[in-house]
Amino acid sequence: MDQKLRIDWILCDGYSLCSPEAPEVIDLDEWGYPIIRPGVIAEHELKDVKRAVGACPMSALSLVPQDFDKRS
């Protein structure tokens, strides 16, 4: 199943710990908040993205199914 990276903006405090773990998928804005590349996570990026999810001290990142936002 294809997955994408989701961020909970209420939880995110901009610690900037996620981007170094998955730089191909997560960039940072000038305040240290993540900018997530849209689309599904490629198989070769999945390990890095899981490390980024685990590195977030606020648990603001999660992997969700590609159609997560379309569910009712």
N, C-alpha and C. Protein backbone atom coordinates (compact mmCIF):
# COMPACT_ATOMS: atom_id res chain seq x y z
N MET A 1 0.84 -1.18 0.00
CA MET A 1 0.00 0.00 0.00
C MET A 1 0.88 1.24 0.00
N ASP A 2 0.54 2.17 -0.88
CA ASP A 2 1.29 3.42 -0.94
C ASP A 2 1.00 4.27 0.28
N GLN A 3 2.05 4.92 0.78
CA GLN A 3 1.91 5.76 1.97
C GLN A 3 2.44 7.16 1.69
N LYS A 4 1.95 8.10 2.47
CA LYS A 4 2.47 9.46 2.39
C LYS A 4 2.75 9.94 3.81
N LEU A 5 3.53 10.98 3.90
CA LEU A 5 3.89 11.55 5.19
C LEU A 5 2.90 12.66 5.53
N ARG A 6 2.40 12.62 6.73
CA ARG A 6 1.41 13.60 7.19
C ARG A 6 1.97 14.32 8.41
N ILE A 7 1.66 15.61 8.51
CA ILE A 7 2.09 16.38 9.67
C ILE A 7 0.87 16.95 10.39
N ASP A 8 0.89 16.86 11.70
CA ASP A 8 -0.14 17.47 12.52
C ASP A 8 0.41 18.83 12.96
N TRP A 9 -0.09 19.88 12.34
CA TRP A 9 0.45 21.22 12.59
C TRP A 9 0.18 21.71 14.00
N ILE A 10 -0.80 21.17 14.65
CA ILE A 10 -1.07 21.56 16.04
C ILE A 10 0.03 21.05 16.96
N LEU A 11 0.55 19.85 16.65
CA LEU A 11 1.60 19.26 17.48
C LEU A 11 3.01 19.76 17.14
N CYS A 12 3.25 20.13 15.89
CA CYS A 12 4.59 20.50 15.45
C CYS A 12 5.06 21.79 16.12
N ASP A 13 6.24 21.73 16.73
CA ASP A 13 6.85 22.90 17.36
C ASP A 13 8.10 23.37 16.62
N GLY A 14 8.38 22.79 15.47
CA GLY A 14 9.51 23.25 14.66
C GLY A 14 10.87 22.95 15.24
N TYR A 15 11.03 21.78 15.85
CA TYR A 15 12.34 21.41 16.40
C TYR A 15 13.38 21.10 15.32
N SER A 16 12.94 20.85 14.10
CA SER A 16 13.83 20.62 12.95
C SER A 16 14.60 19.31 13.02
N LEU A 17 14.15 18.34 13.79
CA LEU A 17 14.86 17.08 13.91
C LEU A 17 14.48 16.09 12.81
N CYS A 18 13.41 16.34 12.10
CA CYS A 18 12.93 15.39 11.09
C CYS A 18 13.70 15.49 9.78
N SER A 19 13.99 16.68 9.34
CA SER A 19 14.61 16.89 8.04
C SER A 19 15.95 16.18 7.85
N PRO A 20 16.85 16.20 8.81
CA PRO A 20 18.12 15.50 8.61
C PRO A 20 17.95 13.98 8.42
N GLU A 21 16.88 13.43 8.92
CA GLU A 21 16.65 11.98 8.79
C GLU A 21 16.14 11.60 7.40
N ALA A 22 15.39 12.50 6.75
CA ALA A 22 14.82 12.21 5.43
C ALA A 22 14.88 13.46 4.54
N PRO A 23 16.09 13.91 4.20
CA PRO A 23 16.23 15.17 3.46
C PRO A 23 15.64 15.14 2.05
N GLU A 24 15.45 13.94 1.48
CA GLU A 24 14.84 13.86 0.15
C GLU A 24 13.34 14.13 0.20
N VAL A 25 12.75 14.00 1.38
CA VAL A 25 11.30 14.13 1.53
C VAL A 25 10.92 15.36 2.34
N ILE A 26 11.77 15.76 3.28
CA ILE A 26 11.44 16.86 4.19
C ILE A 26 12.49 17.96 4.08
N ASP A 27 12.02 19.15 3.79
CA ASP A 27 12.87 20.34 3.81
C ASP A 27 12.39 21.19 4.99
N LEU A 28 13.08 22.26 5.28
CA LEU A 28 12.69 23.14 6.38
C LEU A 28 12.49 24.56 5.87
N ASP A 29 11.49 25.25 6.43
CA ASP A 29 11.33 26.66 6.09
C ASP A 29 12.29 27.48 6.95
N GLU A 30 12.24 28.79 6.82
CA GLU A 30 13.20 29.63 7.53
C GLU A 30 13.02 29.63 9.04
N TRP A 31 11.90 29.12 9.54
CA TRP A 31 11.66 29.04 10.99
C TRP A 31 11.88 27.64 11.55
N GLY A 32 12.30 26.70 10.69
CA GLY A 32 12.58 25.34 11.13
C GLY A 32 11.40 24.39 11.05
N TYR A 33 10.30 24.84 10.45
CA TYR A 33 9.13 23.97 10.29
C TYR A 33 9.27 23.15 9.01
N PRO A 34 8.78 21.92 9.02
CA PRO A 34 8.96 21.04 7.87
C PRO A 34 8.11 21.43 6.66
N ILE A 35 8.70 21.24 5.51
CA ILE A 35 8.01 21.33 4.23
C ILE A 35 8.11 19.93 3.64
N ILE A 36 6.99 19.27 3.53
CA ILE A 36 6.97 17.88 3.10
C ILE A 36 6.68 17.80 1.61
N ARG A 37 7.51 17.04 0.91
CA ARG A 37 7.30 16.83 -0.52
C ARG A 37 5.98 16.10 -0.71
N PRO A 38 5.11 16.60 -1.58
CA PRO A 38 3.83 15.92 -1.78
C PRO A 38 4.00 14.59 -2.51
N GLY A 39 3.02 13.75 -2.34
CA GLY A 39 3.02 12.47 -3.04
C GLY A 39 3.37 11.31 -2.13
N VAL A 40 3.42 10.15 -2.75
CA VAL A 40 3.69 8.93 -1.98
C VAL A 40 5.18 8.80 -1.71
N ILE A 41 5.48 8.05 -0.66
CA ILE A 41 6.86 7.79 -0.27
C ILE A 41 7.37 6.62 -1.09
N ALA A 42 8.49 6.81 -1.77
CA ALA A 42 9.09 5.73 -2.55
C ALA A 42 9.63 4.66 -1.60
N GLU A 43 9.67 3.45 -2.08
CA GLU A 43 10.12 2.32 -1.26
C GLU A 43 11.53 2.56 -0.71
N HIS A 44 12.42 3.13 -1.52
CA HIS A 44 13.79 3.36 -1.05
C HIS A 44 13.89 4.50 -0.03
N GLU A 45 12.83 5.30 0.12
CA GLU A 45 12.83 6.40 1.09
C GLU A 45 12.15 6.02 2.40
N LEU A 46 11.46 4.90 2.42
CA LEU A 46 10.63 4.53 3.56
C LEU A 46 11.41 4.40 4.87
N LYS A 47 12.59 3.81 4.84
CA LYS A 47 13.39 3.65 6.05
C LYS A 47 13.76 5.02 6.64
N ASP A 48 14.19 5.95 5.79
CA ASP A 48 14.55 7.30 6.26
C ASP A 48 13.33 8.03 6.82
N VAL A 49 12.20 7.89 6.15
CA VAL A 49 10.98 8.57 6.60
C VAL A 49 10.54 8.01 7.96
N LYS A 50 10.66 6.72 8.15
CA LYS A 50 10.30 6.13 9.45
C LYS A 50 11.23 6.66 10.55
N ARG A 51 12.50 6.87 10.23
CA ARG A 51 13.42 7.48 11.20
C ARG A 51 13.01 8.91 11.52
N ALA A 52 12.58 9.65 10.50
CA ALA A 52 12.13 11.03 10.72
C ALA A 52 10.89 11.06 11.61
N VAL A 53 9.96 10.14 11.38
CA VAL A 53 8.76 10.05 12.21
C VAL A 53 9.16 9.78 13.66
N GLY A 54 10.10 8.87 13.86
CA GLY A 54 10.56 8.54 15.21
C GLY A 54 11.37 9.64 15.87
N ALA A 55 11.98 10.52 15.06
CA ALA A 55 12.82 11.58 15.62
C ALA A 55 12.01 12.76 16.13
N CYS A 56 10.76 12.85 15.75
CA CYS A 56 9.95 14.00 16.15
C CYS A 56 9.57 13.90 17.63
N PRO A 57 10.04 14.84 18.45
CA PRO A 57 9.74 14.77 19.89
C PRO A 57 8.27 15.05 20.21
N MET A 58 7.55 15.63 19.28
CA MET A 58 6.14 15.96 19.50
C MET A 58 5.19 14.95 18.85
N SER A 59 5.74 13.94 18.19
CA SER A 59 4.94 12.94 17.46
C SER A 59 3.99 13.61 16.46
N ALA A 60 4.49 14.62 15.78
CA ALA A 60 3.68 15.37 14.82
C ALA A 60 3.67 14.74 13.43
N LEU A 61 4.58 13.83 13.17
CA LEU A 61 4.66 13.18 11.86
C LEU A 61 4.08 11.77 11.93
N SER A 62 3.44 11.38 10.84
CA SER A 62 2.94 10.01 10.76
C SER A 62 2.88 9.58 9.31
N LEU A 63 3.00 8.29 9.09
CA LEU A 63 2.80 7.71 7.78
C LEU A 63 1.35 7.27 7.69
N VAL A 64 0.69 7.65 6.61
CA VAL A 64 -0.72 7.32 6.42
C VAL A 64 -0.92 6.77 5.01
N PRO A 65 -2.00 6.02 4.79
CA PRO A 65 -2.28 5.55 3.43
C PRO A 65 -2.45 6.74 2.48
N GLN A 66 -2.13 6.52 1.23
CA GLN A 66 -2.18 7.60 0.24
C GLN A 66 -3.55 8.26 0.20
N ASP A 67 -4.61 7.52 0.37
CA ASP A 67 -5.96 8.08 0.26
C ASP A 67 -6.52 8.52 1.62
N PHE A 68 -5.66 8.74 2.60
CA PHE A 68 -6.08 9.09 3.97
C PHE A 68 -7.02 10.29 4.01
N ASP A 69 -6.71 11.36 3.29
CA ASP A 69 -7.51 12.58 3.34
C ASP A 69 -8.86 12.44 2.65
N LYS A 70 -9.02 11.42 1.84
CA LYS A 70 -10.26 11.21 1.09
C LYS A 70 -11.27 10.37 1.87
N ARG A 71 -10.87 9.83 2.99
CA ARG A 71 -11.77 9.00 3.76
C ARG A 71 -12.80 9.86 4.49
N SER A 72 -13.97 9.31 4.63
CA SER A 72 -15.02 10.06 5.33
C SER A 72 -15.20 9.61 6.74
